[in-house]
Amino acid sequence: MFATGDKNQLYGALAGIVLAAAMQSSTAATVMTVGFVNAGLISLRRALGVMLGSAVGTTLTVQLIAFSITDYALAFVTLGVLLFLINIRIRSYGSIILGFGFVFLGWA
């Protein structure tokens, strides 16, 4: 993730958003990034984008919970199943939407 995520600060921020959303913790993402800087894997300038992105990713995750998106969980599940079954080219998108639907359903 950091090999492509540190090409510029925008990619670093996107990598930080994905990292924080996956780990559910911007603090853990920041600690990992600081460790990578200490090891010399990425530069401090590029690490700042990752750290900023991890803070944004945590904020987005909390906003999903605050917006009561669980009301739309069954719609996500239904849309995901339909996309999965209709066309083989968009099957992966159906799987992604179905996964989000199950996550939202689990929050309910």
C-alpha atoms as a PDB file:
ATOM      1  CA  MET A   1       0.000   0.000   0.000  1.00  0.00           C
ATOM      2  CA  PHE A   2       2.796   2.390   0.832  1.00  0.00           C
ATOM      3  CA  ALA A   3       4.717   1.575  -2.350  1.00  0.00           C
ATOM      4  CA  THR A   4       2.009   3.264  -4.428  1.00  0.00           C
ATOM      5  CA  GLY A   5       0.631   5.378  -1.625  1.00  0.00           C
ATOM      6  CA  ASP A   6       3.650   7.583  -1.204  1.00  0.00           C
ATOM      7  CA  LYS A   7       4.159   8.750  -4.824  1.00  0.00           C
ATOM      8  CA  ASN A   8       2.660  12.087  -3.878  1.00  0.00           C
ATOM      9  CA  GLN A   9       0.747  13.417  -0.927  1.00  0.00           C
ATOM     10  CA  LEU A  10      -2.681  12.857  -2.521  1.00  0.00           C
ATOM     11  CA  TYR A  11      -1.990   9.151  -2.984  1.00  0.00           C
ATOM     12  CA  GLY A  12      -0.600   9.104   0.542  1.00  0.00           C
ATOM     13  CA  ALA A  13      -3.792  10.647   1.879  1.00  0.00           C
ATOM     14  CA  LEU A  14      -5.893   8.084   0.004  1.00  0.00           C
ATOM     15  CA  ALA A  15      -3.706   5.301   1.381  1.00  0.00           C
ATOM     16  CA  GLY A  16      -4.191   6.734   4.882  1.00  0.00           C
ATOM     17  CA  ILE A  17      -7.984   6.836   4.425  1.00  0.00           C
ATOM     18  CA  VAL A  18      -8.047   3.186   3.360  1.00  0.00           C
ATOM     19  CA  LEU A  19      -5.652   2.193   6.130  1.00  0.00           C
ATOM     20  CA  ALA A  20      -7.641   3.949   8.857  1.00  0.00           C
ATOM     21  CA  ALA A  21     -10.957   2.614   7.550  1.00  0.00           C
ATOM     22  CA  ALA A  22      -9.582  -0.922   7.476  1.00  0.00           C
ATOM     23  CA  MET A  23      -7.955  -0.732  10.906  1.00  0.00           C
ATOM     24  CA  GLN A  24     -10.636   1.466  12.523  1.00  0.00           C
ATOM     25  CA  SER A  25      -7.894   3.455  14.215  1.00  0.00           C
ATOM     26  CA  SER A  26      -6.043   6.507  12.989  1.00  0.00           C
ATOM     27  CA  THR A  27      -3.694   6.248  15.955  1.00  0.00           C
ATOM     28  CA  ALA A  28      -2.508   2.782  14.921  1.00  0.00           C
ATOM     29  CA  ALA A  29      -2.095   3.973  11.328  1.00  0.00           C
ATOM     30  CA  THR A  30      -0.050   6.953  12.519  1.00  0.00           C
ATOM     31  CA  VAL A  31       2.144   4.771  14.744  1.00  0.00           C
ATOM     32  CA  MET A  32       2.788   2.415  11.817  1.00  0.00           C
ATOM     33  CA  THR A  33       3.611   5.344   9.529  1.00  0.00           C
ATOM     34  CA  VAL A  34       6.052   6.816  12.049  1.00  0.00           C
ATOM     35  CA  GLY A  35       7.691   3.402  12.279  1.00  0.00           C
ATOM     36  CA  PHE A  36       8.045   3.301   8.502  1.00  0.00           C
ATOM     37  CA  VAL A  37       9.642   6.759   8.551  1.00  0.00           C
ATOM     38  CA  ASN A  38      12.091   5.659  11.262  1.00  0.00           C
ATOM     39  CA  ALA A  39      12.971   2.581   9.204  1.00  0.00           C
ATOM     40  CA  GLY A  40      13.578   4.765   6.164  1.00  0.00           C
ATOM     41  CA  LEU A  41      10.827   3.177   4.065  1.00  0.00           C
ATOM     42  CA  ILE A  42       9.048   6.467   3.354  1.00  0.00           C
ATOM     43  CA  SER A  43      10.003  10.099   3.799  1.00  0.00           C
ATOM     44  CA  LEU A  44       8.530  12.353   6.457  1.00  0.00           C
ATOM     45  CA  ARG A  45       6.953  14.603   3.830  1.00  0.00           C
ATOM     46  CA  ARG A  46       5.079  11.702   2.290  1.00  0.00           C
ATOM     47  CA  ALA A  47       4.180  10.276   5.688  1.00  0.00           C
ATOM     48  CA  LEU A  48       2.354  13.493   6.550  1.00  0.00           C
ATOM     49  CA  GLY A  49      -0.131  12.791   3.753  1.00  0.00           C
ATOM     50  CA  VAL A  50      -0.719   9.278   5.062  1.00  0.00           C
ATOM     51  CA  MET A  51      -1.259  10.575   8.598  1.00  0.00           C
ATOM     52  CA  LEU A  52      -3.688  13.231   7.405  1.00  0.00           C
ATOM     53  CA  GLY A  53      -5.549  10.632   5.369  1.00  0.00           C
ATOM     54  CA  SER A  54      -5.800   8.312   8.360  1.00  0.00           C
ATOM     55  CA  ALA A  55      -7.465  11.075  10.374  1.00  0.00           C
ATOM     56  CA  VAL A  56      -9.915  11.703   7.527  1.00  0.00           C
ATOM     57  CA  GLY A  57     -10.606   7.959   7.219  1.00  0.00           C
ATOM     58  CA  THR A  58     -11.500   7.685  10.881  1.00  0.00           C
ATOM     59  CA  THR A  59     -13.773  10.707  10.576  1.00  0.00           C
ATOM     60  CA  LEU A  60     -15.551   9.187   7.574  1.00  0.00           C
ATOM     61  CA  THR A  61     -16.069   5.926   9.423  1.00  0.00           C
ATOM     62  CA  VAL A  62     -17.640   7.721  12.376  1.00  0.00           C
ATOM     63  CA  GLN A  63     -19.857   9.769  10.047  1.00  0.00           C
ATOM     64  CA  LEU A  64     -21.212   6.585   8.471  1.00  0.00           C
ATOM     65  CA  ILE A  65     -22.367   5.493  11.903  1.00  0.00           C
ATOM     66  CA  ALA A  66     -23.749   8.939  12.789  1.00  0.00           C
ATOM     67  CA  PHE A  67     -25.807   9.229   9.591  1.00  0.00           C
ATOM     68  CA  SER A  68     -27.842   6.135  10.523  1.00  0.00           C
ATOM     69  CA  ILE A  69     -26.948   4.423   7.307  1.00  0.00           C
ATOM     70  CA  THR A  70     -28.290   1.174   8.762  1.00  0.00           C
ATOM     71  CA  ASP A  71     -31.705   2.227   7.455  1.00  0.00           C
ATOM     72  CA  TYR A  72     -30.403   1.545   3.945  1.00  0.00           C
ATOM     73  CA  ALA A  73     -28.682  -1.764   4.722  1.00  0.00           C
ATOM     74  CA  LEU A  74     -31.272  -3.948   3.024  1.00  0.00           C
ATOM     75  CA  ALA A  75     -31.185  -1.739  -0.071  1.00  0.00           C
ATOM     76  CA  PHE A  76     -27.408  -2.219  -0.264  1.00  0.00           C
ATOM     77  CA  VAL A  77     -27.774  -5.979   0.164  1.00  0.00           C
ATOM     78  CA  THR A  78     -30.471  -6.181  -2.514  1.00  0.00           C
ATOM     79  CA  LEU A  79     -28.515  -4.032  -4.964  1.00  0.00           C
ATOM     80  CA  GLY A  80     -25.361  -6.053  -4.314  1.00  0.00           C
ATOM     81  CA  VAL A  81     -27.124  -9.357  -4.966  1.00  0.00           C
ATOM     82  CA  LEU A  82     -28.704  -8.022  -8.163  1.00  0.00           C
ATOM     83  CA  LEU A  83     -25.402  -6.706  -9.493  1.00  0.00           C
ATOM     84  CA  PHE A  84     -23.714  -9.959  -8.548  1.00  0.00           C
ATOM     85  CA  LEU A  85     -26.265 -12.084 -10.397  1.00  0.00           C
ATOM     86  CA  ILE A  86     -27.007  -9.951 -13.462  1.00  0.00           C
ATOM     87  CA  ASN A  87     -23.687  -9.544 -15.218  1.00  0.00           C
ATOM     88  CA  ILE A  88     -20.378 -11.315 -14.803  1.00  0.00           C
ATOM     89  CA  ARG A  89     -18.389  -8.138 -15.664  1.00  0.00           C
ATOM     90  CA  ILE A  90     -19.821  -6.188 -12.723  1.00  0.00           C
ATOM     91  CA  ARG A  91     -19.846  -9.102 -10.293  1.00  0.00           C
ATOM     92  CA  SER A  92     -16.974  -7.635  -8.261  1.00  0.00           C
ATOM     93  CA  TYR A  93     -18.864  -4.360  -7.769  1.00  0.00           C
ATOM     94  CA  GLY A  94     -21.872  -6.353  -6.609  1.00  0.00           C
ATOM     95  CA  SER A  95     -19.668  -8.143  -4.088  1.00  0.00           C
ATOM     96  CA  ILE A  96     -18.353  -4.837  -2.753  1.00  0.00           C
ATOM     97  CA  ILE A  97     -21.835  -3.337  -2.369  1.00  0.00           C
ATOM     98  CA  LEU A  98     -23.104  -6.572  -0.831  1.00  0.00           C
ATOM     99  CA  GLY A  99     -20.244  -6.499   1.674  1.00  0.00           C
ATOM    100  CA  PHE A 100     -21.050  -2.924   2.662  1.00  0.00           C
ATOM    101  CA  GLY A 101     -24.695  -3.927   3.021  1.00  0.00           C
ATOM    102  CA  PHE A 102     -23.782  -6.728   5.403  1.00  0.00           C
ATOM    103  CA  VAL A 103     -21.553  -4.401   7.419  1.00  0.00           C
ATOM    104  CA  PHE A 104     -24.386  -1.860   7.685  1.00  0.00           C
ATOM    105  CA  LEU A 105     -26.806  -4.647   8.590  1.00  0.00           C
ATOM    106  CA  GLY A 106     -24.436  -5.751  11.342  1.00  0.00           C
ATOM    107  CA  TRP A 107     -24.495  -2.232  12.793  1.00  0.00           C
ATOM    108  CA  ALA A 108     -28.302  -2.343  13.082  1.00  0.00           C
END
